[in-house]
Amino acid sequence: MEPEQKCAGCGSCTVVCPVYRATGNETLTARGKQRLLESELSGNPSSVFKDIFAKCLLCGACESVCPRKLPIIKSVVGARSRFQGFYGRHGFRKKLVTKIFGSSSVLASLARLGFILEKKASLPSWSGLRLKLSIFDDLGEHLNPSLVEQQSPVMPAQDSILLFSGCFARFIQPSIVSSINELILYQNKKSTVVPVDQKCCGLAAYSMGELSGARKLAMENIDSFKESEATILVPCASCYFQLKRYPELLADDKRWYERALVFSKRLHTFEDFFVQLARSGVFRASKHCSVIQHSSCHQRFSGHFSSSPEELYSLIDNISYLGELNQCCGFGGLFQMGYPEISQSIFQCVYKKIGAYKHPLVLTSCSGCLIQWNQELLRFNSSISCQHPAQFLASCLRRIEYNKKNNDY
């Protein structure tokens, strides 16, 4: 690292670091990690050294305030990529989850099992398994947990919409995909198509420092959408962030880099895509409710997101938009699995901020945030609920007008 690229030690990152706020441990800040990377300890990292680098949400808050614009996330991931074996707390479990996300067939089987357990198991309110299973959809008979009927190996026409559903909407809450289908049908467009061979976006592998695995998934996803130049809609903010990273991941291979750039330009966030529909005045909540937008860290700090949540929700009738909740919820992908007590402490800070509101509805398009909110709200036995914006907007469609346009719907 060149001298001008070294950490200045100003402490700007300390102020915004969620992990530091929860623990008060200076070593866990970006400044602390940069000092360790510059020390002799980085040559032969101990288990303590590895644990420090595992205790990072990769949220990007530190990068957003760094006066020298240091690539802090890249340096943390780079350090992790050099660690051998399992590192940090619950290292084996995190490694296993990363491998599972790399296999759609295994993930689909586990999702079916989770759905069955969620329906069949009588678990007490304090059960940790009950909290984990709470994220599964309450599926009707018309929905299949694996979304087989909505997947297709055939590419649609150029004016159709391809969907990079993400693992969460594809296997855990397929009602998100159904809601998107309904919204697009309302726009008189063809139904969305989920290419059957799409894979995990690779964010889990990247976060673990498994860069070769992340590159492999990137190549496979680019290939799965190669037969069409149609728009790719990405409902998950974290998936979108990782997909936009593909050119950087594949920068060492000119051919793949160029393909990644073309792929990246086809991506659209949920908010960007549907704000135009909202402007036409087709949304009205069936009963008045208060809505809060929880913007994920990737949305706030990556620079890849353009639409304002306020622009979208201000166009929905019969709701009170309470604004954005711009604070990390503590999920951080595999971080929550390794350090649940810190994760919960970070979430409690967010939860306290909405305590003054009466039964608000929290909306977030990040799959990780959805998991965190739903599990922690259940833990608190809270009356607050959390949804993906697609689920909420589909419930707000003006049904009378809709039925006039689609008599056979």
Protein backbone atom coordinates (compact mmCIF):
# COMPACT_ATOMS: atom_id res chain seq x y z
CA MET A 1 0.00 0.00 0.00
CA GLU A 2 1.47 3.35 -1.06
CA PRO A 3 2.02 5.92 1.73
CA GLU A 4 -0.73 8.19 0.45
CA GLN A 5 -3.09 5.20 0.52
CA LYS A 6 -2.43 4.37 4.16
CA CYS A 7 -4.99 5.02 6.87
CA ALA A 8 -4.59 8.52 8.29
CA GLY A 9 -5.96 7.40 11.66
CA CYS A 10 -8.54 10.19 11.69
CA GLY A 11 -11.24 8.05 13.30
CA SER A 12 -14.04 9.04 10.93
CA CYS A 13 -14.83 5.35 10.46
CA THR A 14 -15.19 4.83 14.20
CA VAL A 15 -18.17 7.15 14.44
CA VAL A 16 -20.21 5.28 11.82
CA CYS A 17 -19.18 1.66 12.50
CA PRO A 18 -22.20 -0.37 13.78
CA VAL A 19 -19.93 -3.01 15.33
CA TYR A 20 -17.97 -0.38 17.25
CA ARG A 21 -21.21 1.20 18.48
CA ALA A 22 -22.34 -2.17 19.80
CA THR A 23 -19.03 -3.29 21.33
CA GLY A 24 -16.94 -0.17 21.98
CA ASN A 25 -13.92 -2.12 20.70
CA GLU A 26 -11.62 0.19 18.70
CA THR A 27 -9.78 -2.77 17.16
CA LEU A 28 -12.93 -3.78 15.29
CA THR A 29 -13.16 -0.47 13.40
CA ALA A 30 -11.74 0.04 9.92
CA ARG A 31 -8.93 2.07 11.49
CA GLY A 32 -8.08 -0.81 13.80
CA LYS A 33 -8.10 -3.34 10.96
CA GLN A 34 -5.93 -1.12 8.75
CA ARG A 35 -3.36 -0.87 11.55
CA LEU A 36 -3.31 -4.67 11.84
CA LEU A 37 -2.85 -5.10 8.09
CA GLU A 38 0.17 -2.80 8.22
CA SER A 39 1.70 -4.71 11.14
CA GLU A 40 3.87 -7.84 11.22
CA LEU A 41 0.88 -9.75 12.58
CA SER A 42 -0.69 -9.89 9.13
CA GLY A 43 2.14 -12.12 7.86
CA ASN A 44 1.11 -15.00 10.08
CA PRO A 45 -2.41 -14.21 11.31
CA SER A 46 -3.48 -15.82 14.57
CA SER A 47 -6.99 -16.99 15.39
CA VAL A 48 -7.55 -13.68 17.23
CA PHE A 49 -6.41 -11.74 14.15
CA LYS A 50 -8.82 -13.73 11.96
CA ASP A 51 -11.66 -13.24 14.43
CA ILE A 52 -11.20 -9.47 14.29
CA PHE A 53 -11.55 -9.51 10.50
CA ALA A 54 -14.56 -11.80 10.75
CA LYS A 55 -16.29 -9.20 12.94
CA CYS A 56 -17.11 -6.90 10.06
CA LEU A 57 -20.52 -6.40 8.44
CA LEU A 58 -18.96 -5.18 5.17
CA CYS A 59 -21.65 -2.50 5.31
CA GLY A 60 -19.49 0.17 3.67
CA ALA A 61 -20.26 2.92 6.19
CA CYS A 62 -16.54 3.40 6.85
CA GLU A 63 -15.73 3.78 3.15
CA SER A 64 -18.45 6.39 2.75
CA VAL A 65 -16.77 8.74 5.25
CA CYS A 66 -13.10 7.91 4.68
CA PRO A 67 -11.36 11.15 3.59
CA ARG A 68 -8.77 9.15 1.63
CA LYS A 69 -11.41 6.96 -0.03
CA LEU A 70 -9.60 3.78 0.95
CA PRO A 71 -11.03 0.50 -0.46
CA ILE A 72 -11.73 -0.81 3.02
CA ILE A 73 -14.21 -3.56 2.08
CA LYS A 74 -11.82 -4.85 -0.56
CA SER A 75 -8.97 -4.95 1.95
CA VAL A 76 -11.07 -6.82 4.55
CA VAL A 77 -12.25 -9.36 1.97
CA GLY A 78 -8.69 -9.65 0.68
CA ALA A 79 -7.48 -10.46 4.18
CA ARG A 80 -10.21 -13.07 4.58
CA SER A 81 -9.25 -14.65 1.26
CA ARG A 82 -5.80 -15.43 2.70
CA PHE A 83 -7.14 -17.18 5.79
CA GLN A 84 -6.87 -20.95 5.65
CA GLY A 85 -9.63 -23.27 6.85
CA PHE A 86 -12.39 -22.00 9.11
CA TYR A 87 -12.02 -18.64 10.80
CA GLY A 88 -14.04 -16.57 13.25
CA ARG A 89 -16.82 -17.90 15.43
CA HIS A 90 -18.93 -20.66 13.86
CA GLY A 91 -16.48 -20.78 10.97
CA PHE A 92 -17.56 -24.26 9.89
CA ARG A 93 -21.22 -23.27 9.87
CA LYS A 94 -20.53 -20.17 7.76
CA LYS A 95 -18.43 -22.18 5.32
CA LEU A 96 -21.23 -24.75 5.02
CA VAL A 97 -23.85 -22.09 4.33
CA THR A 98 -21.61 -20.59 1.64
CA LYS A 99 -21.37 -23.99 -0.06
CA ILE A 100 -25.15 -24.46 0.17
CA PHE A 101 -25.77 -21.11 -1.50
CA GLY A 102 -23.48 -22.24 -4.29
CA SER A 103 -25.82 -25.15 -5.11
CA SER A 104 -29.39 -24.31 -6.18
CA SER A 105 -30.52 -27.95 -5.94
CA VAL A 106 -29.34 -28.30 -2.34
CA LEU A 107 -30.86 -24.95 -1.39
CA ALA A 108 -34.18 -25.91 -3.01
CA SER A 109 -34.28 -29.19 -1.05
CA LEU A 110 -33.53 -27.41 2.22
CA ALA A 111 -36.17 -24.79 1.45
CA ARG A 112 -38.80 -27.50 0.92
CA LEU A 113 -37.77 -29.11 4.23
CA GLY A 114 -37.97 -25.77 6.00
CA PHE A 115 -41.41 -25.10 4.53
CA ILE A 116 -42.65 -28.50 5.73
CA LEU A 117 -41.21 -27.99 9.21
CA GLU A 118 -42.69 -24.51 9.45
CA LYS A 119 -46.12 -25.92 8.65
CA LYS A 120 -45.91 -29.11 10.72
CA ALA A 121 -43.77 -28.35 13.74
CA SER A 122 -45.38 -27.16 16.95
CA LEU A 123 -42.57 -25.12 18.41
CA PRO A 124 -42.65 -22.87 21.48
CA SER A 125 -42.26 -19.11 21.06
CA TRP A 126 -38.76 -19.19 22.53
CA SER A 127 -37.48 -21.81 20.10
CA GLY A 128 -34.52 -20.71 17.99
CA LEU A 129 -35.69 -23.01 15.21
CA ARG A 130 -39.10 -21.35 15.23
CA LEU A 131 -37.42 -17.97 14.73
CA LYS A 132 -35.44 -19.29 11.78
CA LEU A 133 -38.46 -20.95 10.17
CA SER A 134 -40.60 -17.84 10.58
CA ILE A 135 -39.17 -16.39 7.36
CA PHE A 136 -40.83 -19.05 5.19
CA ASP A 137 -43.89 -17.99 3.21
CA ASP A 138 -47.37 -18.98 4.27
CA LEU A 139 -47.81 -20.65 0.91
CA GLY A 140 -51.16 -21.31 -0.70
CA GLU A 141 -51.83 -24.31 -2.89
CA HIS A 142 -51.11 -22.24 -6.00
CA LEU A 143 -47.50 -21.66 -4.95
CA ASN A 144 -44.73 -24.20 -5.10
CA PRO A 145 -41.74 -23.70 -2.77
CA SER A 146 -39.31 -24.28 -5.63
CA LEU A 147 -41.12 -21.98 -8.09
CA VAL A 148 -40.83 -24.63 -10.80
CA GLU A 149 -43.82 -23.25 -12.70
CA GLN A 150 -42.25 -19.79 -12.92
CA GLN A 151 -38.83 -20.94 -14.08
CA SER A 152 -38.00 -21.50 -17.71
CA PRO A 153 -34.94 -22.56 -19.74
CA VAL A 154 -36.45 -20.62 -22.68
CA MET A 155 -35.57 -16.97 -23.06
CA PRO A 156 -38.52 -14.58 -23.60
CA ALA A 157 -38.96 -11.90 -26.22
CA GLN A 158 -36.90 -8.73 -25.87
CA ASP A 159 -39.86 -6.75 -24.51
CA SER A 160 -40.38 -9.20 -21.66
CA ILE A 161 -38.83 -9.08 -18.21
CA LEU A 162 -36.21 -11.44 -16.90
CA LEU A 163 -36.03 -11.84 -13.14
CA PHE A 164 -32.92 -12.45 -11.11
CA SER A 165 -35.00 -13.55 -8.17
CA GLY A 166 -32.23 -14.19 -5.66
CA CYS A 167 -32.16 -17.17 -3.32
CA PHE A 168 -34.55 -15.65 -0.78
CA ALA A 169 -37.41 -14.86 -3.18
CA ARG A 170 -36.79 -17.99 -5.20
CA PHE A 171 -36.82 -20.50 -2.36
CA ILE A 172 -37.94 -18.88 0.91
CA GLN A 173 -40.55 -16.25 0.05
CA PRO A 174 -41.79 -16.92 -3.50
CA SER A 175 -44.72 -14.58 -2.80
CA ILE A 176 -42.24 -11.80 -3.67
CA VAL A 177 -41.94 -13.20 -7.18
CA SER A 178 -45.72 -13.70 -7.40
CA SER A 179 -46.24 -10.08 -6.37
CA ILE A 180 -43.81 -8.89 -9.03
CA ASN A 181 -45.63 -10.99 -11.62
CA GLU A 182 -48.91 -9.35 -10.62
CA LEU A 183 -47.44 -5.85 -10.82
CA ILE A 184 -45.92 -6.47 -14.25
CA LEU A 185 -49.15 -8.04 -15.50
CA TYR A 186 -50.92 -4.87 -14.43
CA GLN A 187 -48.62 -2.96 -16.74
CA ASN A 188 -49.80 -5.17 -19.64
CA LYS A 189 -46.40 -6.75 -19.96
CA LYS A 190 -45.65 -10.43 -20.23
CA SER A 191 -45.09 -12.37 -17.04
CA THR A 192 -41.60 -12.46 -15.65
CA VAL A 193 -39.34 -15.36 -16.48
CA VAL A 194 -36.87 -16.78 -13.98
CA PRO A 195 -34.07 -18.49 -15.92
CA VAL A 196 -33.88 -21.96 -14.46
CA ASP A 197 -30.08 -22.15 -14.32
CA GLN A 198 -29.44 -18.90 -12.48
CA LYS A 199 -27.36 -19.26 -9.35
CA CYS A 200 -26.74 -17.43 -6.10
CA CYS A 201 -25.42 -13.92 -6.78
CA GLY A 202 -22.20 -14.88 -4.96
CA LEU A 203 -22.33 -12.34 -2.16
CA ALA A 204 -21.94 -15.02 0.53
CA ALA A 205 -18.85 -16.45 -1.15
CA TYR A 206 -17.37 -12.99 -1.69
CA SER A 207 -17.99 -12.02 1.94
CA MET A 208 -16.20 -15.18 3.12
CA GLY A 209 -13.20 -14.25 0.99
CA GLU A 210 -13.81 -17.13 -1.42
CA LEU A 211 -13.13 -15.02 -4.49
CA SER A 212 -12.73 -17.93 -6.91
CA GLY A 213 -16.18 -19.22 -5.91
CA ALA A 214 -17.68 -15.74 -6.31
CA ARG A 215 -16.14 -15.44 -9.80
CA LYS A 216 -17.47 -18.85 -10.80
CA LEU A 217 -21.01 -17.88 -9.76
CA ALA A 218 -20.66 -14.59 -11.62
CA MET A 219 -19.75 -16.37 -14.84
CA GLU A 220 -22.59 -18.87 -14.47
CA ASN A 221 -25.14 -16.10 -13.90
CA ILE A 222 -23.94 -14.11 -16.88
CA ASP A 223 -24.26 -17.26 -18.98
CA SER A 224 -27.77 -17.97 -17.71
CA PHE A 225 -29.01 -14.65 -19.12
CA LYS A 226 -26.97 -14.63 -22.35
CA GLU A 227 -29.73 -15.75 -24.74
CA SER A 228 -31.65 -12.51 -24.40
CA GLU A 229 -30.88 -8.81 -24.13
CA ALA A 230 -34.07 -8.14 -22.17
CA THR A 231 -34.20 -6.10 -18.96
CA ILE A 232 -33.14 -7.97 -15.82
CA LEU A 233 -35.17 -6.99 -12.77
CA VAL A 234 -33.48 -7.60 -9.40
CA PRO A 235 -35.84 -7.39 -6.40
CA CYS A 236 -33.11 -7.88 -3.77
CA ALA A 237 -30.89 -4.88 -3.02
CA SER A 238 -27.98 -7.06 -1.87
CA CYS A 239 -28.15 -9.24 -4.98
CA TYR A 240 -28.24 -6.12 -7.14
CA PHE A 241 -25.17 -4.77 -5.37
CA GLN A 242 -23.25 -8.02 -5.95
CA LEU A 243 -24.36 -8.32 -9.59
CA LYS A 244 -23.13 -4.77 -10.22
CA ARG A 245 -19.77 -5.87 -8.78
CA TYR A 246 -19.25 -8.50 -11.52
CA PRO A 247 -17.09 -6.27 -13.76
CA GLU A 248 -14.75 -5.67 -10.83
CA LEU A 249 -14.68 -9.39 -9.97
CA LEU A 250 -13.88 -10.41 -13.55
CA ALA A 251 -11.56 -7.52 -14.38
CA ASP A 252 -8.55 -9.84 -14.89
CA ASP A 253 -10.19 -11.56 -17.88
CA LYS A 254 -10.89 -9.15 -20.74
CA ARG A 255 -13.61 -11.27 -22.37
CA TRP A 256 -15.50 -11.89 -19.14
CA TYR A 257 -15.00 -8.30 -18.04
CA GLU A 258 -16.67 -7.03 -21.20
CA ARG A 259 -19.53 -9.52 -20.82
CA ALA A 260 -19.94 -8.46 -17.19
CA LEU A 261 -20.19 -4.80 -18.23
CA VAL A 262 -22.98 -5.59 -20.72
CA PHE A 263 -24.75 -7.72 -18.12
CA SER A 264 -24.43 -4.99 -15.50
CA LYS A 265 -26.08 -2.39 -17.72
CA ARG A 266 -29.21 -4.56 -18.07
CA LEU A 267 -29.88 -4.63 -14.32
CA HIS A 268 -32.71 -2.65 -12.74
CA THR A 269 -33.66 -2.36 -9.08
CA PHE A 270 -37.22 -2.94 -7.97
CA GLU A 271 -37.66 0.71 -6.98
CA ASP A 272 -36.28 2.05 -10.27
CA PHE A 273 -38.55 -0.21 -12.27
CA PHE A 274 -41.83 0.46 -10.49
CA VAL A 275 -41.60 4.14 -9.64
CA GLN A 276 -42.98 4.91 -13.12
CA LEU A 277 -46.01 2.71 -12.44
CA ALA A 278 -46.58 4.52 -9.14
CA ARG A 279 -46.67 7.85 -10.97
CA SER A 280 -49.76 6.66 -12.85
CA GLY A 281 -51.70 6.60 -9.58
CA VAL A 282 -52.66 2.94 -9.43
CA PHE A 283 -51.79 2.25 -5.79
CA ARG A 284 -54.04 2.67 -2.78
CA ALA A 285 -53.75 0.84 0.53
CA SER A 286 -56.91 -1.06 1.50
CA LYS A 287 -56.66 0.48 4.98
CA HIS A 288 -54.60 3.38 6.20
CA CYS A 289 -51.15 2.47 7.44
CA SER A 290 -47.86 4.10 8.37
CA VAL A 291 -44.88 3.04 6.27
CA ILE A 292 -41.17 3.24 7.01
CA GLN A 293 -38.53 2.43 4.42
CA HIS A 294 -35.51 0.59 5.82
CA SER A 295 -32.72 1.22 3.33
CA SER A 296 -30.03 -1.44 3.43
CA CYS A 297 -26.38 -0.55 3.79
CA HIS A 298 -25.77 -1.58 0.18
CA GLN A 299 -28.44 0.87 -0.97
CA ARG A 300 -27.01 3.74 1.04
CA PHE A 301 -23.29 3.32 0.48
CA SER A 302 -22.67 1.55 -2.84
CA GLY A 303 -23.64 4.39 -5.17
CA HIS A 304 -25.51 1.99 -7.48
CA PHE A 305 -29.04 2.98 -6.41
CA SER A 306 -30.75 6.03 -7.88
CA SER A 307 -34.46 6.03 -7.01
CA SER A 308 -35.63 7.71 -3.84
CA PRO A 309 -37.98 5.62 -1.65
CA GLU A 310 -39.85 8.83 -0.90
CA GLU A 311 -40.54 9.25 -4.62
CA LEU A 312 -42.15 5.81 -4.72
CA TYR A 313 -44.14 5.81 -1.49
CA SER A 314 -45.37 9.39 -1.72
CA LEU A 315 -47.41 8.28 -4.74
CA ILE A 316 -49.41 5.64 -2.82
CA ASP A 317 -52.81 6.75 -1.53
CA ASN A 318 -54.05 6.11 2.01
CA ILE A 319 -50.66 5.72 3.68
CA SER A 320 -48.50 7.92 5.87
CA TYR A 321 -44.90 7.75 4.74
CA LEU A 322 -42.70 8.20 7.80
CA GLY A 323 -39.42 8.41 5.91
CA GLU A 324 -36.27 6.34 5.63
CA LEU A 325 -34.63 4.42 8.43
CA ASN A 326 -30.97 4.82 7.52
CA GLN A 327 -29.26 2.55 10.00
CA CYS A 328 -27.73 -0.91 9.80
CA CYS A 329 -30.03 -3.66 11.13
CA GLY A 330 -27.10 -5.90 12.06
CA PHE A 331 -27.61 -8.79 9.66
CA GLY A 332 -24.52 -8.49 7.48
CA GLY A 333 -25.05 -11.84 5.79
CA LEU A 334 -22.83 -14.40 7.51
CA PHE A 335 -21.98 -11.93 10.29
CA GLN A 336 -25.33 -12.57 11.97
CA MET A 337 -24.57 -16.28 11.99
CA GLY A 338 -21.15 -15.89 13.53
CA TYR A 339 -21.90 -13.15 16.07
CA PRO A 340 -25.63 -13.22 16.87
CA GLU A 341 -25.28 -11.27 20.13
CA ILE A 342 -23.61 -8.32 18.39
CA SER A 343 -26.11 -8.55 15.55
CA GLN A 344 -29.02 -8.41 17.97
CA SER A 345 -27.49 -5.47 19.82
CA ILE A 346 -27.20 -3.53 16.54
CA PHE A 347 -30.80 -4.37 15.67
CA GLN A 348 -32.07 -3.16 19.04
CA CYS A 349 -30.70 0.31 18.26
CA VAL A 350 -32.75 0.37 15.05
CA TYR A 351 -35.80 -1.06 16.76
CA LYS A 352 -35.78 1.67 19.41
CA LYS A 353 -35.95 4.31 16.69
CA ILE A 354 -39.39 3.17 15.53
CA GLY A 355 -40.79 2.55 18.99
CA ALA A 356 -42.61 5.89 18.99
CA TYR A 357 -44.74 4.92 15.99
CA LYS A 358 -47.92 2.89 16.36
CA HIS A 359 -47.83 -0.37 14.40
CA PRO A 360 -45.73 0.85 11.46
CA LEU A 361 -45.05 -1.31 8.43
CA VAL A 362 -41.34 -1.62 7.63
CA LEU A 363 -40.49 -2.08 3.96
CA THR A 364 -37.09 -3.25 2.75
CA SER A 365 -35.90 -4.79 -0.49
CA CYS A 366 -32.80 -6.42 0.99
CA SER A 367 -33.22 -10.15 1.62
CA GLY A 368 -30.83 -10.11 4.55
CA CYS A 369 -32.66 -7.21 6.16
CA LEU A 370 -35.99 -9.01 5.64
CA ILE A 371 -34.63 -12.05 7.47
CA GLN A 372 -33.26 -9.94 10.31
CA TRP A 373 -36.40 -7.86 10.75
CA ASN A 374 -38.80 -10.78 10.67
CA GLN A 375 -36.80 -12.93 13.06
CA GLU A 376 -36.07 -10.14 15.52
CA LEU A 377 -39.64 -8.79 15.47
CA LEU A 378 -40.83 -12.27 16.35
CA ARG A 379 -38.24 -12.44 19.13
CA PHE A 380 -39.60 -9.16 20.53
CA ASN A 381 -43.19 -10.36 20.03
CA SER A 382 -43.68 -7.05 18.24
CA SER A 383 -46.83 -5.79 16.52
CA ILE A 384 -44.61 -4.21 13.86
CA SER A 385 -44.44 -6.06 10.55
CA CYS A 386 -41.92 -6.09 7.73
CA GLN A 387 -42.40 -6.81 4.03
CA HIS A 388 -40.71 -6.56 0.69
CA PRO A 389 -42.03 -3.53 -1.25
CA ALA A 390 -43.35 -5.85 -4.00
CA GLN A 391 -45.65 -7.59 -1.53
CA PHE A 392 -46.96 -4.27 -0.24
CA LEU A 393 -47.45 -2.66 -3.66
CA ALA A 394 -49.29 -5.72 -4.97
CA SER A 395 -51.67 -5.44 -2.03
CA CYS A 396 -52.23 -1.76 -2.90
CA LEU A 397 -53.24 -2.21 -6.55
CA ARG A 398 -56.57 -0.55 -7.33
CA ARG A 399 -58.55 -3.76 -7.72
CA ILE A 400 -61.66 -2.31 -9.40
CA GLU A 401 -59.63 -0.76 -12.23
CA TYR A 402 -57.52 -3.89 -12.42
CA ASN A 403 -60.51 -6.18 -12.87
CA LYS A 404 -61.90 -3.97 -15.63
CA LYS A 405 -58.67 -4.31 -17.54
CA ASN A 406 -58.34 -8.04 -16.89
CA ASN A 407 -61.78 -9.66 -16.79
CA ASP A 408 -60.30 -13.12 -16.83
CA TYR A 409 -57.83 -12.50 -14.05
